[in-house]
Structure formats: structure tokens, C-alpha cells
Amino acid sequence: MEKLLEHLRASRQGKGISQDYLAVKLGVSSSTISRWESKVKFPSIDKLFEYASLLDITVHEVLAFSANEPAGPKPVGKIEISAYDKASFKRLVEQQLEEEDGHIKFVTTQLK
């Protein structure tokens, strides 16, 4: 979906169409268009096809873009661990980084 959204954005810009104009035509806000194009949020399938149609991109092209994008792995769970002192936090981070095997996405958030 990301490559498709990049293509749609490039097509919109290439045709000189503003996000505001597109938003009016699609019945959404311009900030919604911005979130789609920056991949913060994805459009519903009907809005996606409307968006493409307004840029003269066929349904077949949309489906071809979608089919050629690799499907990433879907997470099966999430674990949240809280550390109550800096030494414990540092130890947890170091331990996780040592054991990283590519199957776990490790995100740290240090609170102030």
C-alpha cells in the first residue's frame, strides 16, 4: 500500500492537483489526504479507488501496485515491560539488544 500511496501522491503532484481540491472531490479533509500520502493513515478501499480514479489511474493499476508489494509479517503479540529505575531499564535494553534475532521489534521509551 505504501508504494501505491507514493505513486498516487506523485501522480497528483505531477498533474498539479492540490490536496485541498482532491479532498473536496473525495468528501474528506485535506489533512486526511495528507495523512494518507504520508502513510500515517490508510484510506478505505472505496476512497482509494475514488482517489485513483480522479487521477486517471485504473482499478487494474491499483490492484497491480497492491499485488506487487510484499506483505510484511503481522505481529502476534505485544509485551510491555516497565522498569522503575535507570539501571534496570539499561539492563533490559542491553539484554534485548544482545538477544535480537530479527523476529522481535524492540521499542524503548525512556520516561523522564
Protein backbone atom coordinates (compact mmCIF):
# COMPACT_ATOMS: atom_id res chain seq x y z
CA MET A 1 0.00 0.00 0.00
CA GLU A 2 2.90 2.35 0.71
CA LYS A 3 4.24 2.27 -2.85
CA LEU A 4 0.73 2.79 -4.18
CA LEU A 5 0.24 5.84 -1.95
CA GLU A 6 3.62 7.21 -3.08
CA HIS A 7 2.55 6.72 -6.71
CA LEU A 8 -0.79 8.44 -6.09
CA ARG A 9 0.93 11.40 -4.43
CA ALA A 10 3.44 11.70 -7.27
CA SER A 11 0.63 11.50 -9.83
CA ARG A 12 -1.38 14.16 -8.00
CA GLN A 13 1.62 16.47 -7.85
CA GLY A 14 2.53 15.76 -11.47
CA LYS A 15 -0.95 16.79 -12.57
CA GLY A 16 -0.80 19.94 -10.43
CA ILE A 17 -3.75 18.88 -8.28
CA SER A 18 -3.77 20.21 -4.73
CA GLN A 19 -4.62 18.19 -1.65
CA ASP A 20 -7.43 20.68 -0.98
CA TYR A 21 -9.02 20.08 -4.40
CA LEU A 22 -8.73 16.33 -4.03
CA ALA A 23 -10.19 16.49 -0.51
CA VAL A 24 -13.28 18.35 -1.76
CA LYS A 25 -13.78 15.83 -4.56
CA LEU A 26 -13.46 12.90 -2.14
CA GLY A 27 -15.53 14.47 0.64
CA VAL A 28 -12.71 14.36 3.20
CA SER A 29 -10.47 16.97 4.79
CA SER A 30 -7.16 18.00 3.26
CA SER A 31 -5.45 16.77 6.43
CA THR A 32 -6.89 13.32 5.69
CA ILE A 33 -5.27 13.39 2.24
CA SER A 34 -2.01 14.46 3.90
CA ARG A 35 -2.19 11.56 6.38
CA TRP A 36 -2.82 9.12 3.52
CA GLU A 37 0.09 10.43 1.50
CA SER A 38 2.45 10.40 4.48
CA LYS A 39 1.29 6.86 5.31
CA VAL A 40 0.09 7.81 8.78
CA LYS A 41 -3.37 6.51 7.93
CA PHE A 42 -4.64 4.42 5.02
CA PRO A 43 -7.78 5.19 3.02
CA SER A 44 -10.73 2.84 2.89
CA ILE A 45 -10.84 0.75 -0.27
CA ASP A 46 -13.68 2.79 -1.78
CA LYS A 47 -11.86 6.09 -1.13
CA LEU A 48 -8.66 4.56 -2.51
CA PHE A 49 -10.38 3.68 -5.79
CA GLU A 50 -12.05 7.12 -5.94
CA TYR A 51 -8.69 8.78 -5.31
CA ALA A 52 -7.06 6.76 -8.09
CA SER A 53 -9.94 7.40 -10.49
CA LEU A 54 -9.65 11.17 -10.02
CA LEU A 55 -6.01 10.86 -11.12
CA ASP A 56 -6.91 8.67 -14.14
CA ILE A 57 -5.37 5.59 -12.54
CA THR A 58 -7.32 2.44 -13.29
CA VAL A 59 -8.52 -0.16 -10.82
CA HIS A 60 -6.19 -2.62 -12.55
CA GLU A 61 -3.20 -0.37 -11.85
CA VAL A 62 -4.23 -0.02 -8.20
CA LEU A 63 -4.54 -3.80 -7.86
CA ALA A 64 -1.22 -4.35 -9.65
CA PHE A 65 0.56 -1.99 -7.25
CA SER A 66 -1.08 -3.70 -4.28
CA ALA A 67 -0.22 -7.19 -5.53
CA ASN A 68 3.45 -6.32 -6.06
CA GLU A 69 4.01 -5.07 -2.52
CA PRO A 70 5.34 -7.69 -0.16
CA ALA A 71 3.13 -8.43 2.80
CA GLY A 72 5.13 -7.85 5.95
CA PRO A 73 4.83 -10.11 8.94
CA LYS A 74 1.89 -9.43 11.21
CA PRO A 75 2.60 -9.21 14.94
CA VAL A 76 1.08 -11.98 17.04
CA GLY A 77 1.52 -10.29 20.40
CA LYS A 78 2.86 -7.37 22.35
CA ILE A 79 4.68 -7.33 25.67
CA GLU A 80 5.13 -4.19 27.72
CA ILE A 81 7.78 -4.14 30.43
CA SER A 82 8.22 -1.29 32.87
CA ALA A 83 11.47 -0.59 34.66
CA TYR A 84 11.38 1.55 37.78
CA ASP A 85 15.00 2.60 37.90
CA LYS A 86 17.53 3.58 35.26
CA ALA A 87 19.88 0.68 35.96
CA SER A 88 17.11 -1.89 35.42
CA PHE A 89 16.00 -0.12 32.26
CA LYS A 90 19.54 -0.09 30.89
CA ARG A 91 19.98 -3.78 31.74
CA LEU A 92 16.70 -4.71 29.98
CA VAL A 93 17.68 -2.75 26.86
CA GLU A 94 21.15 -4.28 26.71
CA GLN A 95 19.79 -7.80 27.22
CA GLN A 96 17.20 -7.39 24.48
CA LEU A 97 19.74 -5.97 22.04
CA GLU A 98 22.06 -8.95 22.68
CA GLU A 99 19.25 -11.44 22.04
CA GLU A 100 17.77 -9.66 19.00
CA ASP A 101 17.00 -12.29 16.36
CA GLY A 102 15.00 -10.29 13.83
CA HIS A 103 11.67 -11.74 14.90
CA ILE A 104 11.04 -9.21 17.64
CA LYS A 105 10.62 -5.48 17.15
CA PHE A 106 12.10 -3.80 20.18
CA VAL A 107 10.97 -0.27 21.04
CA THR A 108 12.27 1.57 24.09
CA THR A 109 10.68 4.59 25.67
CA GLN A 110 12.56 6.25 28.47
CA LEU A 111 10.30 8.34 30.64
CA LYS A 112 11.52 11.48 32.39
